[in-house]
Amino acid sequence: MRPAPAAAQAEITGSGSVTAGAKATSRPRVVLLAVTADDPLAARLAAELETLGLDVSRAQIDPILPIDDLVRQALVGGARGVVVADGRRTEFWVAEEGSDRVAMRQELEIENSPAMESVLSLRTVEFLRVSLGLVGRAVTPPVVVQPIVPPPPEEVDTRVAFNLMSGVVASTGRLAPFGTVSAALRVRIAGPVGIELRGMAPFGSQELTGPKGPIDTSVWLAGGGLVLAPRTAARVAFDVGAGMLAAMVRSSGTQTDDGVGIAVYGRAAGRIRLSTNWSVRLDVIGGSTAVRRIIITDRQDITTWGLGFVSALAGIELGI
């Protein structure tokens, strides 16, 4: 026989020789040798061999004597098999039934990976089971504990949302861009579909020069439409909407009249969730009063407003 590796060349310590633990039993006896008493591979092998109904004797070895001498000593003492557990490899001997003569010697080795330890143990036990004639006894495979995967977060179903924002509105025509404050209410109807109502009021008025003198002009918008806002628990979310707005231009000056137009609009919005109910929101709205144009006059046409307009708004949102 070839010399055993240094990790397996040992003399049994603590309890004397491997023959000292021999029992008078009808069960086949297997001696399990390991360098340390707490070797995890040896512990796994012992448990699985005992599951087969074998009488397992464990012993700690110390690298002094050749392993072949210890194997011979165990077989002379009545053991049917000897197993050496050495980290990532096992080596075992099986004696002929009723004799101390070695009938088979086998070595198994795996890569240095903790995940392969159970595979090595199972293969070793299976070889011993067949070699000892225990063909009627199945090897119990190691229990694999499946990791617990947490369920995905539930969708946040915000039925009602109110937002308050401020920003700027710019349009074609001579009226300069102006600051505005906006309030909107969004209600979910079914799934991602909902409706919204919104209004926009200017911070102040803009001055136009007319033939009779200056004209102070302000634009007010109010209306509503449909919303598509997918339900999501993500921190960042997006929604879109479209509808119609009534656009009213109020002017004060020399013999001017208020004008009312109808605008169609579309918008896109993004929001960042700060807590369960509160979010920071950014809206971009674009539209046109082509349905009904607004003409600012003072006895004669001065300019139009809203043939094409855009608004950028930012603010907070409260979801319920």
C-alpha atoms as a PDB file:
ATOM      1  CA  MET A   1       0.000   0.000   0.000  1.00  0.00           C
ATOM      2  CA  ARG A   2       1.119   3.563  -0.638  1.00  0.00           C
ATOM      3  CA  PRO A   3       2.048   5.762   2.346  1.00  0.00           C
ATOM      4  CA  ALA A   4      -0.836   7.825   3.707  1.00  0.00           C
ATOM      5  CA  PRO A   5      -0.700  11.612   3.593  1.00  0.00           C
ATOM      6  CA  ALA A   6       0.791  13.380   6.566  1.00  0.00           C
ATOM      7  CA  ALA A   7      -2.619  14.651   7.707  1.00  0.00           C
ATOM      8  CA  ALA A   8      -3.805  11.070   7.993  1.00  0.00           C
ATOM      9  CA  GLN A   9      -0.680   9.440   9.506  1.00  0.00           C
ATOM     10  CA  ALA A  10      -1.564   9.170  13.150  1.00  0.00           C
ATOM     11  CA  GLU A  11      -1.936   7.268  16.319  1.00  0.00           C
ATOM     12  CA  ILE A  12      -5.219   7.316  18.087  1.00  0.00           C
ATOM     13  CA  THR A  13      -5.142   9.553  21.123  1.00  0.00           C
ATOM     14  CA  GLY A  14      -7.332   9.880  24.184  1.00  0.00           C
ATOM     15  CA  SER A  15      -9.005   6.461  24.179  1.00  0.00           C
ATOM     16  CA  GLY A  16      -6.050   4.194  23.303  1.00  0.00           C
ATOM     17  CA  SER A  17      -6.276   2.107  20.130  1.00  0.00           C
ATOM     18  CA  VAL A  18      -9.116   1.671  17.695  1.00  0.00           C
ATOM     19  CA  THR A  19      -9.711  -1.822  19.048  1.00  0.00           C
ATOM     20  CA  ALA A  20     -10.393  -0.531  22.501  1.00  0.00           C
ATOM     21  CA  GLY A  21     -13.901   0.592  21.536  1.00  0.00           C
ATOM     22  CA  ALA A  22     -14.972  -2.678  19.885  1.00  0.00           C
ATOM     23  CA  LYS A  23     -18.459  -3.872  20.810  1.00  0.00           C
ATOM     24  CA  ALA A  24     -20.088  -7.218  20.673  1.00  0.00           C
ATOM     25  CA  THR A  25     -22.798  -6.381  18.163  1.00  0.00           C
ATOM     26  CA  SER A  26     -24.289  -7.880  15.012  1.00  0.00           C
ATOM     27  CA  ARG A  27     -24.177  -4.531  13.245  1.00  0.00           C
ATOM     28  CA  PRO A  28     -21.184  -3.970  10.958  1.00  0.00           C
ATOM     29  CA  ARG A  29     -18.696  -1.743  12.715  1.00  0.00           C
ATOM     30  CA  VAL A  30     -16.918   1.148  10.998  1.00  0.00           C
ATOM     31  CA  VAL A  31     -14.034   3.067  12.539  1.00  0.00           C
ATOM     32  CA  LEU A  32     -14.022   6.765  11.616  1.00  0.00           C
ATOM     33  CA  LEU A  33     -10.672   8.556  11.982  1.00  0.00           C
ATOM     34  CA  ALA A  34     -10.113  12.332  11.900  1.00  0.00           C
ATOM     35  CA  VAL A  35      -7.267  14.642  12.832  1.00  0.00           C
ATOM     36  CA  THR A  36      -9.484  16.704  15.160  1.00  0.00           C
ATOM     37  CA  ALA A  37     -12.446  15.752  17.311  1.00  0.00           C
ATOM     38  CA  ASP A  38     -14.624  18.521  15.872  1.00  0.00           C
ATOM     39  CA  ASP A  39     -13.907  17.883  12.193  1.00  0.00           C
ATOM     40  CA  PRO A  40     -17.159  18.865  10.370  1.00  0.00           C
ATOM     41  CA  LEU A  41     -16.723  16.293   7.607  1.00  0.00           C
ATOM     42  CA  ALA A  42     -16.223  13.506  10.175  1.00  0.00           C
ATOM     43  CA  ALA A  43     -19.339  14.624  12.056  1.00  0.00           C
ATOM     44  CA  ARG A  44     -21.421  14.531   8.891  1.00  0.00           C
ATOM     45  CA  LEU A  45     -20.070  11.097   7.931  1.00  0.00           C
ATOM     46  CA  ALA A  46     -20.783   9.698  11.403  1.00  0.00           C
ATOM     47  CA  ALA A  47     -24.390  10.875  11.308  1.00  0.00           C
ATOM     48  CA  GLU A  48     -25.037   9.422   7.848  1.00  0.00           C
ATOM     49  CA  LEU A  49     -23.317   6.098   8.614  1.00  0.00           C
ATOM     50  CA  GLU A  50     -25.389   5.703  11.774  1.00  0.00           C
ATOM     51  CA  THR A  51     -28.496   6.348   9.666  1.00  0.00           C
ATOM     52  CA  LEU A  52     -27.562   3.219   7.698  1.00  0.00           C
ATOM     53  CA  GLY A  53     -27.597   1.218  10.946  1.00  0.00           C
ATOM     54  CA  LEU A  54     -23.814   0.874  11.215  1.00  0.00           C
ATOM     55  CA  ASP A  55     -21.944   0.805  14.518  1.00  0.00           C
ATOM     56  CA  VAL A  56     -19.649   3.845  14.200  1.00  0.00           C
ATOM     57  CA  SER A  57     -16.581   4.293  16.396  1.00  0.00           C
ATOM     58  CA  ARG A  58     -14.926   7.703  16.193  1.00  0.00           C
ATOM     59  CA  ALA A  59     -11.326   8.382  17.141  1.00  0.00           C
ATOM     60  CA  GLN A  60      -8.956  11.310  16.948  1.00  0.00           C
ATOM     61  CA  ILE A  61      -5.606  10.687  15.304  1.00  0.00           C
ATOM     62  CA  ASP A  62      -2.245  12.336  15.682  1.00  0.00           C
ATOM     63  CA  PRO A  63       0.336  12.306  12.844  1.00  0.00           C
ATOM     64  CA  ILE A  64       2.902   9.859  14.259  1.00  0.00           C
ATOM     65  CA  LEU A  65       2.333   6.348  12.879  1.00  0.00           C
ATOM     66  CA  PRO A  66       1.570   5.276   9.291  1.00  0.00           C
ATOM     67  CA  ILE A  67      -2.154   5.126   8.672  1.00  0.00           C
ATOM     68  CA  ASP A  68      -1.867   1.584   7.285  1.00  0.00           C
ATOM     69  CA  ASP A  69      -0.859   0.327  10.758  1.00  0.00           C
ATOM     70  CA  LEU A  70      -3.911   1.924  12.326  1.00  0.00           C
ATOM     71  CA  VAL A  71      -6.187   0.503   9.617  1.00  0.00           C
ATOM     72  CA  ARG A  72      -4.763  -2.974  10.124  1.00  0.00           C
ATOM     73  CA  GLN A  73      -5.233  -2.654  13.894  1.00  0.00           C
ATOM     74  CA  ALA A  74      -8.889  -1.674  13.450  1.00  0.00           C
ATOM     75  CA  LEU A  75      -9.635  -4.508  11.023  1.00  0.00           C
ATOM     76  CA  VAL A  76      -7.978  -7.068  13.308  1.00  0.00           C
ATOM     77  CA  GLY A  77     -10.206  -5.720  16.099  1.00  0.00           C
ATOM     78  CA  GLY A  78     -13.318  -6.677  14.140  1.00  0.00           C
ATOM     79  CA  ALA A  79     -14.157  -3.576  12.131  1.00  0.00           C
ATOM     80  CA  ARG A  80     -15.576  -4.150   8.647  1.00  0.00           C
ATOM     81  CA  GLY A  81     -14.455  -0.732   7.429  1.00  0.00           C
ATOM     82  CA  VAL A  82     -12.195   2.193   8.265  1.00  0.00           C
ATOM     83  CA  VAL A  83     -12.780   5.742   7.054  1.00  0.00           C
ATOM     84  CA  VAL A  84     -10.306   8.632   7.257  1.00  0.00           C
ATOM     85  CA  ALA A  85     -11.863  12.101   6.955  1.00  0.00           C
ATOM     86  CA  ASP A  86      -9.239  14.645   5.958  1.00  0.00           C
ATOM     87  CA  GLY A  87     -10.771  18.014   5.057  1.00  0.00           C
ATOM     88  CA  ARG A  88     -11.609  17.773   1.356  1.00  0.00           C
ATOM     89  CA  ARG A  89     -10.865  14.086   0.896  1.00  0.00           C
ATOM     90  CA  THR A  90     -11.863  10.741   2.342  1.00  0.00           C
ATOM     91  CA  GLU A  91     -10.065   7.404   2.191  1.00  0.00           C
ATOM     92  CA  PHE A  92     -11.644   4.142   3.304  1.00  0.00           C
ATOM     93  CA  TRP A  93     -10.835   0.452   3.566  1.00  0.00           C
ATOM     94  CA  VAL A  94     -13.314  -2.452   3.560  1.00  0.00           C
ATOM     95  CA  ALA A  95     -12.376  -5.914   4.855  1.00  0.00           C
ATOM     96  CA  GLU A  96     -13.641  -9.224   3.569  1.00  0.00           C
ATOM     97  CA  GLU A  97     -16.547 -10.503   5.631  1.00  0.00           C
ATOM     98  CA  GLY A  98     -15.270 -12.696   8.494  1.00  0.00           C
ATOM     99  CA  SER A  99     -11.647 -11.705   7.798  1.00  0.00           C
ATOM    100  CA  ASP A 100      -9.235  -8.845   8.456  1.00  0.00           C
ATOM    101  CA  ARG A 101      -7.982  -8.945   4.877  1.00  0.00           C
ATOM    102  CA  VAL A 102      -8.528  -5.712   2.906  1.00  0.00           C
ATOM    103  CA  ALA A 103     -10.922  -6.303   0.025  1.00  0.00           C
ATOM    104  CA  MET A 104     -11.165  -2.720  -1.226  1.00  0.00           C
ATOM    105  CA  ARG A 105      -9.441   0.583  -0.747  1.00  0.00           C
ATOM    106  CA  GLN A 106     -10.851   3.794  -2.191  1.00  0.00           C
ATOM    107  CA  GLU A 107     -10.033   7.503  -2.076  1.00  0.00           C
ATOM    108  CA  LEU A 108     -12.392  10.337  -2.942  1.00  0.00           C
ATOM    109  CA  GLU A 109     -11.419  13.995  -3.262  1.00  0.00           C
ATOM    110  CA  ILE A 110     -13.242  17.234  -4.061  1.00  0.00           C
ATOM    111  CA  GLU A 111     -12.342  20.853  -4.717  1.00  0.00           C
ATOM    112  CA  ASN A 112     -11.692  22.956  -1.656  1.00  0.00           C
ATOM    113  CA  SER A 113     -15.243  24.243  -1.361  1.00  0.00           C
ATOM    114  CA  PRO A 114     -17.581  24.074   1.657  1.00  0.00           C
ATOM    115  CA  ALA A 115     -20.538  23.604  -0.662  1.00  0.00           C
ATOM    116  CA  MET A 116     -19.041  20.295  -1.931  1.00  0.00           C
ATOM    117  CA  GLU A 117     -18.616  18.791   1.551  1.00  0.00           C
ATOM    118  CA  SER A 118     -22.096  17.245   1.531  1.00  0.00           C
ATOM    119  CA  VAL A 119     -21.408  15.723  -1.910  1.00  0.00           C
ATOM    120  CA  LEU A 120     -18.186  14.109  -0.684  1.00  0.00           C
ATOM    121  CA  SER A 121     -19.931  12.732   2.410  1.00  0.00           C
ATOM    122  CA  LEU A 122     -22.802  11.306   0.372  1.00  0.00           C
ATOM    123  CA  ARG A 123     -20.499   9.634  -2.163  1.00  0.00           C
ATOM    124  CA  THR A 124     -18.357   8.106   0.600  1.00  0.00           C
ATOM    125  CA  VAL A 125     -21.393   6.684   2.410  1.00  0.00           C
ATOM    126  CA  GLU A 126     -22.785   5.301  -0.838  1.00  0.00           C
ATOM    127  CA  PHE A 127     -19.499   3.499  -1.621  1.00  0.00           C
ATOM    128  CA  LEU A 128     -19.460   1.980   1.867  1.00  0.00           C
ATOM    129  CA  ARG A 129     -23.108   0.953   1.653  1.00  0.00           C
ATOM    130  CA  VAL A 130     -22.525  -0.989  -1.554  1.00  0.00           C
ATOM    131  CA  SER A 131     -19.167  -2.421  -0.412  1.00  0.00           C
ATOM    132  CA  LEU A 132     -20.625  -3.678   2.881  1.00  0.00           C
ATOM    133  CA  GLY A 133     -23.569  -5.306   1.107  1.00  0.00           C
ATOM    134  CA  LEU A 134     -26.177  -2.936   2.527  1.00  0.00           C
ATOM    135  CA  VAL A 135     -27.927  -2.713  -0.811  1.00  0.00           C
ATOM    136  CA  GLY A 136     -31.385  -2.713   0.749  1.00  0.00           C
ATOM    137  CA  ARG A 137     -30.751   0.424   2.755  1.00  0.00           C
ATOM    138  CA  ALA A 138     -31.032   3.737   0.997  1.00  0.00           C
ATOM    139  CA  VAL A 139     -28.766   6.609   1.776  1.00  0.00           C
ATOM    140  CA  THR A 140     -30.672   9.586   3.092  1.00  0.00           C
ATOM    141  CA  PRO A 141     -29.566  12.601   1.051  1.00  0.00           C
ATOM    142  CA  PRO A 142     -28.536  15.674   3.005  1.00  0.00           C
ATOM    143  CA  VAL A 143     -31.311  18.110   3.716  1.00  0.00           C
ATOM    144  CA  VAL A 144     -30.919  21.190   1.569  1.00  0.00           C
ATOM    145  CA  VAL A 145     -32.328  24.259   3.250  1.00  0.00           C
ATOM    146  CA  GLN A 146     -33.784  26.574   0.654  1.00  0.00           C
ATOM    147  CA  PRO A 147     -33.132  30.257   1.305  1.00  0.00           C
ATOM    148  CA  ILE A 148     -36.188  32.227   2.325  1.00  0.00           C
ATOM    149  CA  VAL A 149     -36.989  34.765  -0.346  1.00  0.00           C
ATOM    150  CA  PRO A 150     -39.010  37.686   1.003  1.00  0.00           C
ATOM    151  CA  PRO A 151     -42.184  38.422  -0.935  1.00  0.00           C
ATOM    152  CA  PRO A 152     -42.064  41.369  -3.301  1.00  0.00           C
ATOM    153  CA  PRO A 153     -43.297  44.622  -1.807  1.00  0.00           C
ATOM    154  CA  GLU A 154     -46.982  45.247  -2.214  1.00  0.00           C
ATOM    155  CA  GLU A 155     -48.053  47.819  -4.751  1.00  0.00           C
ATOM    156  CA  VAL A 156     -48.848  51.164  -3.222  1.00  0.00           C
ATOM    157  CA  ASP A 157     -52.447  51.916  -4.168  1.00  0.00           C
ATOM    158  CA  THR A 158     -52.747  55.695  -3.677  1.00  0.00           C
ATOM    159  CA  ARG A 159     -56.374  56.392  -4.491  1.00  0.00           C
ATOM    160  CA  VAL A 160     -56.259  60.144  -4.002  1.00  0.00           C
ATOM    161  CA  ALA A 161     -53.309  62.502  -4.398  1.00  0.00           C
ATOM    162  CA  PHE A 162     -53.146  66.264  -3.941  1.00  0.00           C
ATOM    163  CA  ASN A 163     -50.199  68.327  -5.113  1.00  0.00           C
ATOM    164  CA  LEU A 164     -49.225  71.948  -4.693  1.00  0.00           C
ATOM    165  CA  MET A 165     -46.558  73.323  -7.028  1.00  0.00           C
ATOM    166  CA  SER A 166     -45.115  76.481  -8.463  1.00  0.00           C
ATOM    167  CA  GLY A 167     -43.249  77.217 -11.668  1.00  0.00           C
ATOM    168  CA  VAL A 168     -43.314  79.206 -14.866  1.00  0.00           C
ATOM    169  CA  VAL A 169     -45.579  79.421 -17.942  1.00  0.00           C
ATOM    170  CA  ALA A 170     -44.325  80.537 -21.357  1.00  0.00           C
ATOM    171  CA  SER A 171     -46.320  81.004 -24.550  1.00  0.00           C
ATOM    172  CA  THR A 172     -46.123  82.224 -28.098  1.00  0.00           C
ATOM    173  CA  GLY A 173     -47.067  85.861 -28.542  1.00  0.00           C
ATOM    174  CA  ARG A 174     -45.853  89.067 -26.975  1.00  0.00           C
ATOM    175  CA  LEU A 175     -46.787  88.198 -23.370  1.00  0.00           C
ATOM    176  CA  ALA A 176     -43.625  87.413 -21.413  1.00  0.00           C
ATOM    177  CA  PRO A 177     -43.223  84.188 -19.367  1.00  0.00           C
ATOM    178  CA  PHE A 178     -44.778  84.528 -15.903  1.00  0.00           C
ATOM    179  CA  GLY A 179     -44.637  82.754 -12.565  1.00  0.00           C
ATOM    180  CA  THR A 180     -47.557  80.626 -11.471  1.00  0.00           C
ATOM    181  CA  VAL A 181     -48.820  78.536  -8.578  1.00  0.00           C
ATOM    182  CA  SER A 182     -50.642  75.298  -9.338  1.00  0.00           C
ATOM    183  CA  ALA A 183     -52.902  72.962  -7.374  1.00  0.00           C
ATOM    184  CA  ALA A 184     -54.076  69.575  -8.656  1.00  0.00           C
ATOM    185  CA  LEU A 185     -56.201  66.676  -7.416  1.00  0.00           C
ATOM    186  CA  ARG A 186     -55.754  63.185  -8.823  1.00  0.00           C
ATOM    187  CA  VAL A 187     -58.191  60.323  -8.169  1.00  0.00           C
ATOM    188  CA  ARG A 188     -57.533  56.713  -9.213  1.00  0.00           C
ATOM    189  CA  ILE A 189     -60.551  55.093 -10.850  1.00  0.00           C
ATOM    190  CA  ALA A 190     -59.394  51.594 -11.806  1.00  0.00           C
ATOM    191  CA  GLY A 191     -55.905  50.145 -11.972  1.00  0.00           C
ATOM    192  CA  PRO A 192     -53.513  52.813 -13.284  1.00  0.00           C
ATOM    193  CA  VAL A 193     -56.311  54.952 -14.815  1.00  0.00           C
ATOM    194  CA  GLY A 194     -57.652  57.998 -13.055  1.00  0.00           C
ATOM    195  CA  ILE A 195     -58.874  61.561 -13.471  1.00  0.00           C
ATOM    196  CA  GLU A 196     -57.340  64.868 -12.479  1.00  0.00           C
ATOM    197  CA  LEU A 197     -58.475  68.407 -11.826  1.00  0.00           C
ATOM    198  CA  ARG A 198     -55.998  71.277 -11.864  1.00  0.00           C
ATOM    199  CA  GLY A 199     -55.824  75.014 -11.690  1.00  0.00           C
ATOM    200  CA  MET A 200     -53.022  77.517 -12.293  1.00  0.00           C
ATOM    201  CA  ALA A 201     -52.991  81.099 -11.045  1.00  0.00           C
ATOM    202  CA  PRO A 202     -50.373  83.748 -11.917  1.00  0.00           C
ATOM    203  CA  PHE A 203     -48.222  85.386  -9.244  1.00  0.00           C
ATOM    204  CA  GLY A 204     -48.899  88.781 -10.818  1.00  0.00           C
ATOM    205  CA  SER A 205     -49.653  90.510 -14.109  1.00  0.00           C
ATOM    206  CA  GLN A 206     -47.580  91.258 -17.188  1.00  0.00           C
ATOM    207  CA  GLU A 207     -47.553  94.650 -18.949  1.00  0.00           C
ATOM    208  CA  LEU A 208     -48.245  95.010 -22.632  1.00  0.00           C
ATOM    209  CA  THR A 209     -47.986  98.226 -24.609  1.00  0.00           C
ATOM    210  CA  GLY A 210     -51.176  99.103 -26.468  1.00  0.00           C
ATOM    211  CA  PRO A 211     -52.094 102.005 -28.719  1.00  0.00           C
ATOM    212  CA  LYS A 212     -53.942 103.717 -25.851  1.00  0.00           C
ATOM    213  CA  GLY A 213     -51.336 102.994 -23.167  1.00  0.00           C
ATOM    214  CA  PRO A 214     -50.046 100.084 -21.024  1.00  0.00           C
ATOM    215  CA  ILE A 215     -52.224  97.012 -20.445  1.00  0.00           C
ATOM    216  CA  ASP A 216     -51.774  94.821 -17.354  1.00  0.00           C
ATOM    217  CA  THR A 217     -52.498  91.205 -18.346  1.00  0.00           C
ATOM    218  CA  SER A 218     -52.717  87.949 -16.371  1.00  0.00           C
ATOM    219  CA  VAL A 219     -53.551  84.396 -17.492  1.00  0.00           C
ATOM    220  CA  TRP A 220     -55.548  81.894 -15.414  1.00  0.00           C
ATOM    221  CA  LEU A 221     -55.898  78.197 -16.326  1.00  0.00           C
ATOM    222  CA  ALA A 222     -58.296  75.552 -14.959  1.00  0.00           C
ATOM    223  CA  GLY A 223     -59.549  72.183 -16.184  1.00  0.00           C
ATOM    224  CA  GLY A 224     -58.901  68.473 -16.021  1.00  0.00           C
ATOM    225  CA  GLY A 225     -58.426  65.215 -17.868  1.00  0.00           C
ATOM    226  CA  LEU A 226     -57.384  61.588 -17.694  1.00  0.00           C
ATOM    227  CA  VAL A 227     -54.314  60.222 -15.884  1.00  0.00           C
ATOM    228  CA  LEU A 228     -52.252  57.084 -16.377  1.00  0.00           C
ATOM    229  CA  ALA A 229     -50.305  56.451 -13.141  1.00  0.00           C
ATOM    230  CA  PRO A 230     -49.099  52.841 -12.683  1.00  0.00           C
ATOM    231  CA  ARG A 231     -49.223  51.569  -9.106  1.00  0.00           C
ATOM    232  CA  THR A 232     -45.747  50.943  -7.758  1.00  0.00           C
ATOM    233  CA  ALA A 233     -43.862  50.675  -4.469  1.00  0.00           C
ATOM    234  CA  ALA A 234     -40.687  52.036  -6.061  1.00  0.00           C
ATOM    235  CA  ARG A 235     -39.178  55.231  -4.704  1.00  0.00           C
ATOM    236  CA  VAL A 236     -39.219  56.839  -8.153  1.00  0.00           C
ATOM    237  CA  ALA A 237     -42.390  56.785 -10.268  1.00  0.00           C
ATOM    238  CA  PHE A 238     -43.796  58.439 -13.377  1.00  0.00           C
ATOM    239  CA  ASP A 239     -47.262  59.309 -14.681  1.00  0.00           C
ATOM    240  CA  VAL A 240     -48.795  61.039 -17.690  1.00  0.00           C
ATOM    241  CA  GLY A 241     -52.050  62.851 -18.351  1.00  0.00           C
ATOM    242  CA  ALA A 242     -54.038  64.711 -20.976  1.00  0.00           C
ATOM    243  CA  GLY A 243     -57.141  66.856 -21.004  1.00  0.00           C
ATOM    244  CA  MET A 244     -58.580  70.316 -21.596  1.00  0.00           C
ATOM    245  CA  LEU A 245     -58.097  73.663 -19.862  1.00  0.00           C
ATOM    246  CA  ALA A 246     -60.108  76.872 -19.870  1.00  0.00           C
ATOM    247  CA  ALA A 247     -57.653  79.743 -20.314  1.00  0.00           C
ATOM    248  CA  MET A 248     -58.855  83.145 -19.195  1.00  0.00           C
ATOM    249  CA  VAL A 249     -56.878  86.315 -19.912  1.00  0.00           C
ATOM    250  CA  ARG A 250     -57.734  89.231 -17.648  1.00  0.00           C
ATOM    251  CA  SER A 251     -56.600  92.647 -18.791  1.00  0.00           C
ATOM    252  CA  SER A 252     -56.867  96.085 -17.219  1.00  0.00           C
ATOM    253  CA  GLY A 253     -56.084  99.229 -19.131  1.00  0.00           C
ATOM    254  CA  THR A 254     -57.696 101.410 -21.705  1.00  0.00           C
ATOM    255  CA  GLN A 255     -60.956  99.855 -22.914  1.00  0.00           C
ATOM    256  CA  THR A 256     -59.762  96.240 -22.877  1.00  0.00           C
ATOM    257  CA  ASP A 257     -61.893  93.125 -22.581  1.00  0.00           C
ATOM    258  CA  ASP A 258     -61.260  89.805 -20.865  1.00  0.00           C
ATOM    259  CA  GLY A 259     -60.745  86.846 -23.204  1.00  0.00           C
ATOM    260  CA  VAL A 260     -61.502  83.141 -22.674  1.00  0.00           C
ATOM    261  CA  GLY A 261     -60.045  80.315 -24.717  1.00  0.00           C
ATOM    262  CA  ILE A 262     -60.090  76.503 -24.673  1.00  0.00           C
ATOM    263  CA  ALA A 263     -56.772  74.670 -24.611  1.00  0.00           C
ATOM    264  CA  VAL A 264     -55.874  71.015 -24.961  1.00  0.00           C
ATOM    265  CA  TYR A 265     -52.892  69.849 -22.908  1.00  0.00           C
ATOM    266  CA  GLY A 266     -50.670  66.904 -22.256  1.00  0.00           C
ATOM    267  CA  ARG A 267     -48.272  66.436 -19.380  1.00  0.00           C
ATOM    268  CA  ALA A 268     -45.586  64.141 -18.034  1.00  0.00           C
ATOM    269  CA  ALA A 269     -44.538  63.953 -14.388  1.00  0.00           C
ATOM    270  CA  GLY A 270     -41.978  62.258 -12.189  1.00  0.00           C
ATOM    271  CA  ARG A 271     -42.024  61.945  -8.435  1.00  0.00           C
ATOM    272  CA  ILE A 272     -39.633  60.806  -5.718  1.00  0.00           C
ATOM    273  CA  ARG A 273     -41.220  59.250  -2.662  1.00  0.00           C
ATOM    274  CA  LEU A 274     -40.038  60.721   0.641  1.00  0.00           C
ATOM    275  CA  SER A 275     -42.334  58.633   2.892  1.00  0.00           C
ATOM    276  CA  THR A 276     -45.460  56.514   2.587  1.00  0.00           C
ATOM    277  CA  ASN A 277     -47.630  59.550   1.770  1.00  0.00           C
ATOM    278  CA  TRP A 278     -45.317  62.408   0.810  1.00  0.00           C
ATOM    279  CA  SER A 279     -43.454  62.892  -2.477  1.00  0.00           C
ATOM    280  CA  VAL A 280     -41.496  65.540  -4.350  1.00  0.00           C
ATOM    281  CA  ARG A 281     -42.979  66.097  -7.799  1.00  0.00           C
ATOM    282  CA  LEU A 282     -41.965  67.649 -11.148  1.00  0.00           C
ATOM    283  CA  ASP A 283     -44.510  68.282 -13.938  1.00  0.00           C
ATOM    284  CA  VAL A 284     -43.998  69.457 -17.525  1.00  0.00           C
ATOM    285  CA  ILE A 285     -47.176  70.597 -19.310  1.00  0.00           C
ATOM    286  CA  GLY A 286     -47.579  71.535 -22.940  1.00  0.00           C
ATOM    287  CA  GLY A 287     -50.676  72.605 -24.843  1.00  0.00           C
ATOM    288  CA  SER A 288     -52.380  74.859 -27.358  1.00  0.00           C
ATOM    289  CA  THR A 289     -55.423  77.129 -27.515  1.00  0.00           C
ATOM    290  CA  ALA A 290     -55.895  76.298 -31.177  1.00  0.00           C
ATOM    291  CA  VAL A 291     -59.394  75.033 -30.304  1.00  0.00           C
ATOM    292  CA  ARG A 292     -60.332  78.592 -29.356  1.00  0.00           C
ATOM    293  CA  ARG A 293     -57.645  81.260 -29.584  1.00  0.00           C
ATOM    294  CA  ILE A 294     -57.221  84.094 -27.107  1.00  0.00           C
ATOM    295  CA  ILE A 295     -56.760  87.513 -28.683  1.00  0.00           C
ATOM    296  CA  ILE A 296     -55.750  90.431 -26.512  1.00  0.00           C
ATOM    297  CA  THR A 297     -57.245  93.617 -27.923  1.00  0.00           C
ATOM    298  CA  ASP A 298     -57.509  97.291 -27.227  1.00  0.00           C
ATOM    299  CA  ARG A 299     -59.813  98.419 -30.062  1.00  0.00           C
ATOM    300  CA  GLN A 300     -57.430  96.470 -32.266  1.00  0.00           C
ATOM    301  CA  ASP A 301     -55.636  93.128 -31.974  1.00  0.00           C
ATOM    302  CA  ILE A 302     -52.453  93.437 -29.938  1.00  0.00           C
ATOM    303  CA  THR A 303     -51.320  89.805 -29.603  1.00  0.00           C
ATOM    304  CA  THR A 304     -52.544  86.263 -29.076  1.00  0.00           C
ATOM    305  CA  TRP A 305     -51.783  83.948 -26.164  1.00  0.00           C
ATOM    306  CA  GLY A 306     -51.488  80.189 -25.930  1.00  0.00           C
ATOM    307  CA  LEU A 307     -51.309  79.132 -29.560  1.00  0.00           C
ATOM    308  CA  GLY A 308     -48.473  77.070 -28.128  1.00  0.00           C
ATOM    309  CA  PHE A 309     -47.606  77.122 -24.430  1.00  0.00           C
ATOM    310  CA  VAL A 310     -45.471  75.145 -21.978  1.00  0.00           C
ATOM    311  CA  SER A 311     -45.179  75.088 -18.203  1.00  0.00           C
ATOM    312  CA  ALA A 312     -42.618  73.565 -15.819  1.00  0.00           C
ATOM    313  CA  LEU A 313     -43.769  73.003 -12.215  1.00  0.00           C
ATOM    314  CA  ALA A 314     -42.187  71.569  -9.076  1.00  0.00           C
ATOM    315  CA  GLY A 315     -43.638  70.968  -5.631  1.00  0.00           C
ATOM    316  CA  ILE A 316     -44.927  68.416  -3.133  1.00  0.00           C
ATOM    317  CA  GLU A 317     -47.610  65.745  -3.285  1.00  0.00           C
ATOM    318  CA  LEU A 318     -49.709  64.142  -0.562  1.00  0.00           C
ATOM    319  CA  GLY A 319     -51.096  60.689  -1.344  1.00  0.00           C
ATOM    320  CA  ILE A 320     -53.978  59.114   0.579  1.00  0.00           C
END
